[in-house]
């Protein structure tokens, strides 16, 4: 599950959009350069299958759809955030090659 979500570069972007209050698909596409409706829908569908986000359809005309993070999704996103922090720490501790040319 982590690999499937982390491997989709748009999932993390969707989480950031939801955290900033952008929860409608049209808003998401307009907010992110290079994000298409087709790719967004695939990403949203995958996240719904894992129970990370939830689809809410309002009985209005015109129809309104929003996405929200589930309680499980909030826990999962915190874990992803921790993984990113750990990766940054590891990167900062990795010695940089000094470019020794043998002179």
PDB file of N, CA and C in Angstrom:
ATOM      1  N   UNK A   1       0.826  -1.189   0.000  1.00  0.00           N
ATOM      2  CA  UNK A   1       0.000   0.000   0.000  1.00  0.00           C
ATOM      3  C   UNK A   1       0.869   1.251   0.000  1.00  0.00           C
ATOM      4  N   UNK A   2       1.876   1.278   0.851  1.00  0.00           N
ATOM      5  CA  UNK A   2       2.756   2.454   0.919  1.00  0.00           C
ATOM      6  C   UNK A   2       3.440   2.658  -0.420  1.00  0.00           C
ATOM      7  N   UNK A   3       3.919   1.582  -1.012  1.00  0.00           N
ATOM      8  CA  UNK A   3       4.591   1.693  -2.307  1.00  0.00           C
ATOM      9  C   UNK A   3       3.638   2.213  -3.381  1.00  0.00           C
ATOM     10  N   UNK A   4       2.412   1.725  -3.391  1.00  0.00           N
ATOM     11  CA  UNK A   4       1.444   2.162  -4.394  1.00  0.00           C
ATOM     12  C   UNK A   4       1.126   3.644  -4.242  1.00  0.00           C
ATOM     13  N   UNK A   5       0.993   4.111  -3.021  1.00  0.00           N
ATOM     14  CA  UNK A   5       0.674   5.511  -2.781  1.00  0.00           C
ATOM     15  C   UNK A   5       1.900   6.379  -2.994  1.00  0.00           C
ATOM     16  N   UNK A   6       3.010   5.971  -2.421  1.00  0.00           N
ATOM     17  CA  UNK A   6       4.234   6.762  -2.519  1.00  0.00           C
ATOM     18  C   UNK A   6       4.751   6.780  -3.950  1.00  0.00           C
ATOM     19  N   UNK A   7       4.465   5.706  -4.694  1.00  0.00           N
ATOM     20  CA  UNK A   7       4.892   5.631  -6.086  1.00  0.00           C
ATOM     21  C   UNK A   7       4.080   6.521  -7.005  1.00  0.00           C
ATOM     22  N   UNK A   8       2.936   6.941  -6.561  1.00  0.00           N
ATOM     23  CA  UNK A   8       2.097   7.852  -7.348  1.00  0.00           C
ATOM     24  C   UNK A   8       2.414   9.275  -6.908  1.00  0.00           C
ATOM     25  N   UNK A   9       3.124   9.998  -7.762  1.00  0.00           N
ATOM     26  CA  UNK A   9       3.575  11.333  -7.363  1.00  0.00           C
ATOM     27  C   UNK A   9       2.417  12.274  -7.053  1.00  0.00           C
ATOM     28  N   UNK A  10       1.242  11.985  -7.569  1.00  0.00           N
ATOM     29  CA  UNK A  10       0.117  12.888  -7.352  1.00  0.00           C
ATOM     30  C   UNK A  10      -0.571  12.675  -6.018  1.00  0.00           C
ATOM     31  N   UNK A  11      -0.427  11.494  -5.395  1.00  0.00           N
ATOM     32  CA  UNK A  11      -1.092  11.252  -4.110  1.00  0.00           C
ATOM     33  C   UNK A  11      -0.638  12.260  -3.060  1.00  0.00           C
ATOM     34  N   UNK A  12       0.656  12.475  -2.954  1.00  0.00           N
ATOM     35  CA  UNK A  12       1.161  13.419  -1.961  1.00  0.00           C
ATOM     36  C   UNK A  12       0.661  14.828  -2.247  1.00  0.00           C
ATOM     37  N   UNK A  13       0.561  15.165  -3.524  1.00  0.00           N
ATOM     38  CA  UNK A  13       0.027  16.474  -3.909  1.00  0.00           C
ATOM     39  C   UNK A  13      -1.435  16.592  -3.503  1.00  0.00           C
ATOM     40  N   UNK A  14      -2.197  15.532  -3.720  1.00  0.00           N
ATOM     41  CA  UNK A  14      -3.616  15.538  -3.332  1.00  0.00           C
ATOM     42  C   UNK A  14      -3.747  15.732  -1.830  1.00  0.00           C
ATOM     43  N   UNK A  15      -2.900  15.074  -1.035  1.00  0.00           N
ATOM     44  CA  UNK A  15      -2.959  15.235   0.418  1.00  0.00           C
ATOM     45  C   UNK A  15      -2.679  16.688   0.810  1.00  0.00           C
ATOM     46  N   UNK A  16      -1.723  17.307   0.139  1.00  0.00           N
ATOM     47  CA  UNK A  16      -1.401  18.711   0.426  1.00  0.00           C
ATOM     48  C   UNK A  16      -2.577  19.611   0.060  1.00  0.00           C
ATOM     49  N   UNK A  17      -3.219  19.332  -1.064  1.00  0.00           N
ATOM     50  CA  UNK A  17      -4.385  20.123  -1.471  1.00  0.00           C
ATOM     51  C   UNK A  17      -5.507  19.982  -0.450  1.00  0.00           C
ATOM     52  N   UNK A  18      -5.786  18.756  -0.037  1.00  0.00           N
ATOM     53  CA  UNK A  18      -6.849  18.531   0.948  1.00  0.00           C
ATOM     54  C   UNK A  18      -6.532  19.236   2.262  1.00  0.00           C
ATOM     55  N   UNK A  19      -5.275  19.196   2.671  1.00  0.00           N
ATOM     56  CA  UNK A  19      -4.870  19.856   3.921  1.00  0.00           C
ATOM     57  C   UNK A  19      -5.044  21.370   3.820  1.00  0.00           C
ATOM     58  N   UNK A  20      -4.925  21.910   2.607  1.00  0.00           N
ATOM     59  CA  UNK A  20      -5.069  23.358   2.434  1.00  0.00           C
ATOM     60  C   UNK A  20      -6.511  23.776   2.145  1.00  0.00           C
ATOM     61  N   UNK A  21      -7.443  22.812   2.181  1.00  0.00           N
ATOM     62  CA  UNK A  21      -8.850  23.140   2.006  1.00  0.00           C
ATOM     63  C   UNK A  21      -9.350  23.020   0.581  1.00  0.00           C
ATOM     64  N   UNK A  22      -8.510  22.568  -0.329  1.00  0.00           N
ATOM     65  CA  UNK A  22      -8.941  22.359  -1.718  1.00  0.00           C
ATOM     66  C   UNK A  22      -9.402  20.917  -1.821  1.00  0.00           C
ATOM     67  N   UNK A  23     -10.736  20.727  -1.908  1.00  0.00           N
ATOM     68  CA  UNK A  23     -11.256  19.372  -1.847  1.00  0.00           C
ATOM     69  C   UNK A  23     -12.182  19.004  -3.002  1.00  0.00           C
ATOM     70  N   UNK A  24     -12.320  19.889  -3.970  1.00  0.00           N
ATOM     71  CA  UNK A  24     -13.148  19.593  -5.139  1.00  0.00           C
ATOM     72  C   UNK A  24     -12.240  19.290  -6.322  1.00  0.00           C
ATOM     73  N   UNK A  25     -12.585  18.270  -7.113  1.00  0.00           N
ATOM     74  CA  UNK A  25     -11.710  17.848  -8.205  1.00  0.00           C
ATOM     75  C   UNK A  25     -11.341  18.975  -9.180  1.00  0.00           C
ATOM     76  N   UNK A  26     -12.288  19.792  -9.554  1.00  0.00           N
ATOM     77  CA  UNK A  26     -12.000  20.887 -10.475  1.00  0.00           C
ATOM     78  C   UNK A  26     -10.990  21.862  -9.902  1.00  0.00           C
ATOM     79  N   UNK A  27     -11.132  22.161  -8.611  1.00  0.00           N
ATOM     80  CA  UNK A  27     -10.175  23.040  -7.929  1.00  0.00           C
ATOM     81  C   UNK A  27      -8.786  22.427  -7.931  1.00  0.00           C
ATOM     82  N   UNK A  28      -8.728  21.123  -7.710  1.00  0.00           N
ATOM     83  CA  UNK A  28      -7.440  20.434  -7.654  1.00  0.00           C
ATOM     84  C   UNK A  28      -6.717  20.540  -8.996  1.00  0.00           C
ATOM     85  N   UNK A  29      -7.430  20.247 -10.071  1.00  0.00           N
ATOM     86  CA  UNK A  29      -6.821  20.287 -11.400  1.00  0.00           C
ATOM     87  C   UNK A  29      -6.344  21.700 -11.720  1.00  0.00           C
ATOM     88  N   UNK A  30      -7.153  22.700 -11.381  1.00  0.00           N
ATOM     89  CA  UNK A  30      -6.768  24.097 -11.667  1.00  0.00           C
ATOM     90  C   UNK A  30      -5.604  24.562 -10.795  1.00  0.00           C
ATOM     91  N   UNK A  31      -5.424  23.942  -9.644  1.00  0.00           N
ATOM     92  CA  UNK A  31      -4.396  24.374  -8.699  1.00  0.00           C
ATOM     93  C   UNK A  31      -3.009  23.814  -8.984  1.00  0.00           C
ATOM     94  N   UNK A  32      -2.935  22.750  -9.765  1.00  0.00           N
ATOM     95  CA  UNK A  32      -1.663  22.063  -9.960  1.00  0.00           C
ATOM     96  C   UNK A  32      -1.347  21.954 -11.451  1.00  0.00           C
ATOM     97  N   UNK A  33      -0.246  22.549 -11.830  1.00  0.00           N
ATOM     98  CA  UNK A  33       0.190  22.482 -13.223  1.00  0.00           C
ATOM     99  C   UNK A  33       0.498  21.026 -13.591  1.00  0.00           C
ATOM    100  N   UNK A  34       0.106  20.622 -14.774  1.00  0.00           N
ATOM    101  CA  UNK A  34       0.343  19.278 -15.325  1.00  0.00           C
ATOM    102  C   UNK A  34      -0.553  18.193 -14.733  1.00  0.00           C
ATOM    103  N   UNK A  35      -1.415  18.514 -13.800  1.00  0.00           N
ATOM    104  CA  UNK A  35      -2.345  17.521 -13.264  1.00  0.00           C
ATOM    105  C   UNK A  35      -3.584  17.506 -14.153  1.00  0.00           C
ATOM    106  N   UNK A  36      -3.892  16.337 -14.729  1.00  0.00           N
ATOM    107  CA  UNK A  36      -5.063  16.214 -15.591  1.00  0.00           C
ATOM    108  C   UNK A  36      -6.207  15.567 -14.824  1.00  0.00           C
ATOM    109  N   UNK A  37      -7.403  15.747 -15.322  1.00  0.00           N
ATOM    110  CA  UNK A  37      -8.582  15.154 -14.696  1.00  0.00           C
ATOM    111  C   UNK A  37      -8.468  13.634 -14.681  1.00  0.00           C
ATOM    112  N   UNK A  38      -7.991  13.050 -15.766  1.00  0.00           N
ATOM    113  CA  UNK A  38      -7.860  11.594 -15.848  1.00  0.00           C
ATOM    114  C   UNK A  38      -6.899  11.068 -14.786  1.00  0.00           C
ATOM    115  N   UNK A  39      -5.748  11.689 -14.662  1.00  0.00           N
ATOM    116  CA  UNK A  39      -4.751  11.253 -13.674  1.00  0.00           C
ATOM    117  C   UNK A  39      -5.286  11.475 -12.260  1.00  0.00           C
ATOM    118  N   UNK A  40      -5.925  12.626 -12.033  1.00  0.00           N
ATOM    119  CA  UNK A  40      -6.486  12.906 -10.712  1.00  0.00           C
ATOM    120  C   UNK A  40      -7.521  11.854 -10.335  1.00  0.00           C
ATOM    121  N   UNK A  41      -8.414  11.526 -11.255  1.00  0.00           N
ATOM    122  CA  UNK A  41      -9.450  10.535 -10.959  1.00  0.00           C
ATOM    123  C   UNK A  41      -8.853   9.180 -10.609  1.00  0.00           C
ATOM    124  N   UNK A  42      -7.805   8.768 -11.326  1.00  0.00           N
ATOM    125  CA  UNK A  42      -7.141   7.494 -11.016  1.00  0.00           C
ATOM    126  C   UNK A  42      -6.519   7.551  -9.624  1.00  0.00           C
ATOM    127  N   UNK A  43      -5.896   8.670  -9.305  1.00  0.00           N
ATOM    128  CA  UNK A  43      -5.264   8.849  -7.993  1.00  0.00           C
ATOM    129  C   UNK A  43      -6.323   8.831  -6.887  1.00  0.00           C
ATOM    130  N   UNK A  44      -7.395   9.564  -7.075  1.00  0.00           N
ATOM    131  CA  UNK A  44      -8.467   9.606  -6.074  1.00  0.00           C
ATOM    132  C   UNK A  44      -9.072   8.219  -5.873  1.00  0.00           C
ATOM    133  N   UNK A  45      -9.311   7.508  -6.983  1.00  0.00           N
ATOM    134  CA  UNK A  45      -9.893   6.171  -6.901  1.00  0.00           C
ATOM    135  C   UNK A  45      -8.984   5.229  -6.090  1.00  0.00           C
ATOM    136  N   UNK A  46      -7.681   5.271  -6.358  1.00  0.00           N
ATOM    137  CA  UNK A  46      -6.730   4.417  -5.644  1.00  0.00           C
ATOM    138  C   UNK A  46      -6.750   4.736  -4.148  1.00  0.00           C
ATOM    139  N   UNK A  47      -6.772   6.020  -3.815  1.00  0.00           N
ATOM    140  CA  UNK A  47      -6.779   6.426  -2.405  1.00  0.00           C
ATOM    141  C   UNK A  47      -8.085   6.057  -1.715  1.00  0.00           C
ATOM    142  N   UNK A  48      -9.189   6.077  -2.454  1.00  0.00           N
ATOM    143  CA  UNK A  48     -10.465   5.646  -1.873  1.00  0.00           C
ATOM    144  C   UNK A  48     -10.463   4.138  -1.622  1.00  0.00           C
ATOM    145  N   UNK A  49      -9.873   3.365  -2.555  1.00  0.00           N
ATOM    146  CA  UNK A  49      -9.802   1.916  -2.379  1.00  0.00           C
ATOM    147  C   UNK A  49      -9.023   1.544  -1.124  1.00  0.00           C
ATOM    148  N   UNK A  50      -7.986   2.311  -0.812  1.00  0.00           N
ATOM    149  CA  UNK A  50      -7.190   2.047   0.389  1.00  0.00           C
ATOM    150  C   UNK A  50      -7.832   2.627   1.644  1.00  0.00           C
ATOM    151  N   UNK A  51      -8.904   3.401   1.498  1.00  0.00           N
ATOM    152  CA  UNK A  51      -9.569   3.992   2.653  1.00  0.00           C
ATOM    153  C   UNK A  51      -8.896   5.233   3.190  1.00  0.00           C
ATOM    154  N   UNK A  52      -8.057   5.873   2.367  1.00  0.00           N
ATOM    155  CA  UNK A  52      -7.333   7.062   2.804  1.00  0.00           C
ATOM    156  C   UNK A  52      -8.179   8.313   2.658  1.00  0.00           C
ATOM    157  N   UNK A  53      -8.927   8.376   1.570  1.00  0.00           N
ATOM    158  CA  UNK A  53      -9.835   9.504   1.378  1.00  0.00           C
ATOM    159  C   UNK A  53     -11.235   8.986   1.113  1.00  0.00           C
ATOM    160  N   UNK A  54     -12.186   9.877   1.275  1.00  0.00           N
ATOM    161  CA  UNK A  54     -13.595   9.534   1.125  1.00  0.00           C
ATOM    162  C   UNK A  54     -14.240  10.517   0.150  1.00  0.00           C
ATOM    163  N   UNK A  55     -15.142  10.001  -0.661  1.00  0.00           N
ATOM    164  CA  UNK A  55     -15.866  10.771  -1.664  1.00  0.00           C
ATOM    165  C   UNK A  55     -17.217  11.182  -1.077  1.00  0.00           C
ATOM    166  N   UNK A  56     -17.524  12.464  -1.141  1.00  0.00           N
ATOM    167  CA  UNK A  56     -18.817  12.946  -0.647  1.00  0.00           C
ATOM    168  C   UNK A  56     -19.542  13.601  -1.819  1.00  0.00           C
ATOM    169  N   UNK A  57     -20.712  13.077  -2.146  1.00  0.00           N
ATOM    170  CA  UNK A  57     -21.526  13.629  -3.226  1.00  0.00           C
ATOM    171  C   UNK A  57     -22.727  14.336  -2.604  1.00  0.00           C
ATOM    172  N   UNK A  58     -22.912  15.600  -2.970  1.00  0.00           N
ATOM    173  CA  UNK A  58     -24.032  16.382  -2.452  1.00  0.00           C
ATOM    174  C   UNK A  58     -25.176  16.336  -3.447  1.00  0.00           C
ATOM    175  N   UNK A  59     -26.381  16.230  -2.945  1.00  0.00           N
ATOM    176  CA  UNK A  59     -27.573  16.167  -3.784  1.00  0.00           C
ATOM    177  C   UNK A  59     -27.987  17.578  -4.174  1.00  0.00           C
ATOM    178  N   UNK A  60     -27.226  18.168  -5.100  1.00  0.00           N
ATOM    179  CA  UNK A  60     -27.454  19.540  -5.543  1.00  0.00           C
ATOM    180  C   UNK A  60     -27.425  19.597  -7.059  1.00  0.00           C
ATOM    181  N   UNK A  61     -27.955  20.680  -7.599  1.00  0.00           N
ATOM    182  CA  UNK A  61     -27.853  20.939  -9.031  1.00  0.00           C
ATOM    183  C   UNK A  61     -27.156  22.271  -9.188  1.00  0.00           C
ATOM    184  N   UNK A  62     -26.027  22.343  -9.859  1.00  0.00           N
ATOM    185  CA  UNK A  62     -25.299  21.215 -10.436  1.00  0.00           C
ATOM    186  C   UNK A  62     -24.683  20.355  -9.334  1.00  0.00           C
ATOM    187  N   UNK A  63     -24.368  19.098  -9.675  1.00  0.00           N
ATOM    188  CA  UNK A  63     -23.816  18.182  -8.670  1.00  0.00           C
ATOM    189  C   UNK A  63     -22.503  18.710  -8.096  1.00  0.00           C
ATOM    190  N   UNK A  64     -22.305  18.461  -6.822  1.00  0.00           N
ATOM    191  CA  UNK A  64     -21.069  18.872  -6.156  1.00  0.00           C
ATOM    192  C   UNK A  64     -20.455  17.649  -5.492  1.00  0.00           C
ATOM    193  N   UNK A  65     -19.155  17.463  -5.733  1.00  0.00           N
ATOM    194  CA  UNK A  65     -18.416  16.339  -5.162  1.00  0.00           C
ATOM    195  C   UNK A  65     -17.212  16.893  -4.429  1.00  0.00           C
ATOM    196  N   UNK A  66     -16.957  16.360  -3.264  1.00  0.00           N
ATOM    197  CA  UNK A  66     -15.780  16.754  -2.485  1.00  0.00           C
ATOM    198  C   UNK A  66     -15.095  15.503  -1.964  1.00  0.00           C
ATOM    199  N   UNK A  67     -13.826  15.652  -1.637  1.00  0.00           N
ATOM    200  CA  UNK A  67     -13.044  14.559  -1.063  1.00  0.00           C
ATOM    201  C   UNK A  67     -12.493  15.015   0.277  1.00  0.00           C
ATOM    202  N   UNK A  68     -12.489  14.097   1.230  1.00  0.00           N
ATOM    203  CA  UNK A  68     -11.950  14.389   2.555  1.00  0.00           C
ATOM    204  C   UNK A  68     -11.071  13.220   2.990  1.00  0.00           C
ATOM    205  N   UNK A  69     -10.153  13.508   3.875  1.00  0.00           N
ATOM    206  CA  UNK A  69      -9.285  12.481   4.440  1.00  0.00           C
ATOM    207  C   UNK A  69     -10.058  11.750   5.528  1.00  0.00           C
ATOM    208  N   UNK A  70      -9.987  10.433   5.502  1.00  0.00           N
ATOM    209  CA  UNK A  70     -10.646   9.619   6.531  1.00  0.00           C
ATOM    210  C   UNK A  70      -9.786   9.614   7.799  1.00  0.00           C
ATOM    211  N   UNK A  71     -10.336   9.180   8.926  1.00  0.00           N
ATOM    212  CA  UNK A  71      -9.510   9.056  10.137  1.00  0.00           C
ATOM    213  C   UNK A  71      -8.289   8.137   9.899  1.00  0.00           C
ATOM    214  N   UNK A  72      -8.500   7.025   9.206  1.00  0.00           N
ATOM    215  CA  UNK A  72      -7.372   6.159   8.855  1.00  0.00           C
ATOM    216  C   UNK A  72      -6.377   6.911   7.973  1.00  0.00           C
ATOM    217  N   UNK A  73      -6.902   7.669   6.995  1.00  0.00           N
ATOM    218  CA  UNK A  73      -6.045   8.434   6.099  1.00  0.00           C
ATOM    219  C   UNK A  73      -5.190   9.442   6.845  1.00  0.00           C
ATOM    220  N   UNK A  74      -5.746  10.068   7.851  1.00  0.00           N
ATOM    221  CA  UNK A  74      -4.980  11.042   8.642  1.00  0.00           C
ATOM    222  C   UNK A  74      -3.795  10.352   9.319  1.00  0.00           C
ATOM    223  N   UNK A  75      -4.016   9.160   9.858  1.00  0.00           N
ATOM    224  CA  UNK A  75      -2.929   8.401  10.480  1.00  0.00           C
ATOM    225  C   UNK A  75      -1.892   8.007   9.430  1.00  0.00           C
ATOM    226  N   UNK A  76      -2.366   7.552   8.288  1.00  0.00           N
ATOM    227  CA  UNK A  76      -1.471   7.126   7.215  1.00  0.00           C
ATOM    228  C   UNK A  76      -0.626   8.297   6.713  1.00  0.00           C
ATOM    229  N   UNK A  77      -1.226   9.448   6.546  1.00  0.00           N
ATOM    230  CA  UNK A  77      -0.501  10.626   6.070  1.00  0.00           C
ATOM    231  C   UNK A  77       0.548  11.050   7.086  1.00  0.00           C
ATOM    232  N   UNK A  78       0.239  10.939   8.379  1.00  0.00           N
ATOM    233  CA  UNK A  78       1.243  11.246   9.412  1.00  0.00           C
ATOM    234  C   UNK A  78       2.447  10.316   9.278  1.00  0.00           C
ATOM    235  N   UNK A  79       2.194   9.049   8.978  1.00  0.00           N
ATOM    236  CA  UNK A  79       3.290   8.096   8.793  1.00  0.00           C
ATOM    237  C   UNK A  79       4.127   8.484   7.574  1.00  0.00           C
ATOM    238  N   UNK A  80       3.473   8.864   6.484  1.00  0.00           N
ATOM    239  CA  UNK A  80       4.208   9.306   5.294  1.00  0.00           C
ATOM    240  C   UNK A  80       5.047  10.545   5.606  1.00  0.00           C
ATOM    241  N   UNK A  81       4.474  11.467   6.378  1.00  0.00           N
ATOM    242  CA  UNK A  81       5.226  12.665   6.779  1.00  0.00           C
ATOM    243  C   UNK A  81       6.468  12.282   7.576  1.00  0.00           C
ATOM    244  N   UNK A  82       6.304  11.330   8.485  1.00  0.00           N
ATOM    245  CA  UNK A  82       7.445  10.864   9.282  1.00  0.00           C
ATOM    246  C   UNK A  82       8.501  10.205   8.398  1.00  0.00           C
ATOM    247  N   UNK A  83       8.064   9.444   7.390  1.00  0.00           N
ATOM    248  CA  UNK A  83       9.011   8.828   6.460  1.00  0.00           C
ATOM    249  C   UNK A  83       9.797   9.887   5.686  1.00  0.00           C
ATOM    250  N   UNK A  84       9.120  10.933   5.277  1.00  0.00           N
ATOM    251  CA  UNK A  84       9.804  12.013   4.562  1.00  0.00           C
ATOM    252  C   UNK A  84      10.811  12.714   5.466  1.00  0.00           C
ATOM    253  N   UNK A  85      10.445  12.954   6.723  1.00  0.00           N
ATOM    254  CA  UNK A  85      11.382  13.564   7.678  1.00  0.00           C
ATOM    255  C   UNK A  85      12.605  12.679   7.874  1.00  0.00           C
ATOM    256  N   UNK A  86      12.369  11.376   8.015  1.00  0.00           N
ATOM    257  CA  UNK A  86      13.479  10.440   8.176  1.00  0.00           C
ATOM    258  C   UNK A  86      14.382  10.445   6.950  1.00  0.00           C
ATOM    259  N   UNK A  87      13.782  10.484   5.783  1.00  0.00           N
ATOM    260  CA  UNK A  87      14.577  10.506   4.557  1.00  0.00           C
ATOM    261  C   UNK A  87      15.430  11.774   4.479  1.00  0.00           C
ATOM    262  N   UNK A  88      14.865  12.908   4.877  1.00  0.00           N
ATOM    263  CA  UNK A  88      15.641  14.159   4.896  1.00  0.00           C
ATOM    264  C   UNK A  88      16.797  14.067   5.883  1.00  0.00           C
ATOM    265  N   UNK A  89      16.540  13.481   7.065  1.00  0.00           N
ATOM    266  CA  UNK A  89      17.606  13.315   8.063  1.00  0.00           C
ATOM    267  C   UNK A  89      18.729  12.441   7.516  1.00  0.00           C
ATOM    268  N   UNK A  90      18.360  11.352   6.867  1.00  0.00           N
ATOM    269  CA  UNK A  90      19.370  10.456   6.290  1.00  0.00           C
ATOM    270  C   UNK A  90      20.160  11.191   5.214  1.00  0.00           C
ATOM    271  N   UNK A  91      19.472  11.952   4.388  1.00  0.00           N
ATOM    272  CA  UNK A  91      20.139  12.701   3.325  1.00  0.00           C
ATOM    273  C   UNK A  91      21.118  13.714   3.909  1.00  0.00           C
ATOM    274  N   UNK A  92      20.721  14.379   4.984  1.00  0.00           N
ATOM    275  CA  UNK A  92      21.585  15.393   5.593  1.00  0.00           C
ATOM    276  C   UNK A  92      22.812  14.751   6.251  1.00  0.00           C
ATOM    277  N   UNK A  93      22.712  13.495   6.682  1.00  0.00           N
ATOM    278  CA  UNK A  93      23.821  12.814   7.341  1.00  0.00           C
ATOM    279  C   UNK A  93      24.756  12.119   6.355  1.00  0.00           C
ATOM    280  N   UNK A  94      24.326  11.940   5.108  1.00  0.00           N
ATOM    281  CA  UNK A  94      25.141  11.255   4.106  1.00  0.00           C
ATOM    282  C   UNK A  94      26.261  12.170   3.659  1.00  0.00           C
ATOM    283  N   UNK A  95      27.518  11.710   3.793  1.00  0.00           N
ATOM    284  CA  UNK A  95      28.635  12.557   3.371  1.00  0.00           C
ATOM    285  C   UNK A  95      28.586  12.810   1.864  1.00  0.00           C
ATOM    286  N   UNK A  96      28.860  14.033   1.494  1.00  0.00           N
ATOM    287  CA  UNK A  96      28.864  14.411   0.087  1.00  0.00           C
ATOM    288  C   UNK A  96      30.238  14.101  -0.483  1.00  0.00           C
ATOM    289  N   UNK A  97      30.249  13.477  -1.653  1.00  0.00           N
ATOM    290  CA  UNK A  97      31.512  13.148  -2.329  1.00  0.00           C
ATOM    291  C   UNK A  97      32.282  14.435  -2.573  1.00  0.00           C
ATOM    292  N   UNK A  98      33.511  14.471  -2.128  1.00  0.00           N
ATOM    293  CA  UNK A  98      34.304  15.704  -2.235  1.00  0.00           C
ATOM    294  C   UNK A  98      34.825  15.933  -3.638  1.00  0.00           C
ATOM    295  N   UNK A  99      34.513  15.015  -4.551  1.00  0.00           N
ATOM    296  CA  UNK A  99      34.964  15.200  -5.924  1.00  0.00           C
ATOM    297  C   UNK A  99      36.455  14.988  -6.065  1.00  0.00           C
ATOM    298  N   UNK A 100      36.999  14.088  -5.265  1.00  0.00           N
ATOM    299  CA  UNK A 100      38.435  13.815  -5.286  1.00  0.00           C
ATOM    300  C   UNK A 100      38.836  13.339  -6.681  1.00  0.00           C
ATOM    301  N   UNK A 101      39.704  14.101  -7.314  1.00  0.00           N
ATOM    302  CA  UNK A 101      40.151  13.776  -8.659  1.00  0.00           C
ATOM    303  C   UNK A 101      41.480  13.055  -8.661  1.00  0.00           C
ATOM    304  N   UNK A 102      42.035  12.802  -7.498  1.00  0.00           N
ATOM    305  CA  UNK A 102      43.278  12.070  -7.393  1.00  0.00           C
ATOM    306  C   UNK A 102      44.518  12.935  -7.577  1.00  0.00           C
ATOM    307  N   UNK A 103      44.411  14.258  -7.553  1.00  0.00           N
ATOM    308  CA  UNK A 103      45.569  15.167  -7.695  1.00  0.00           C
ATOM    309  C   UNK A 103      46.304  15.302  -6.418  1.00  0.00           C
TER     310      UNK A 103
END
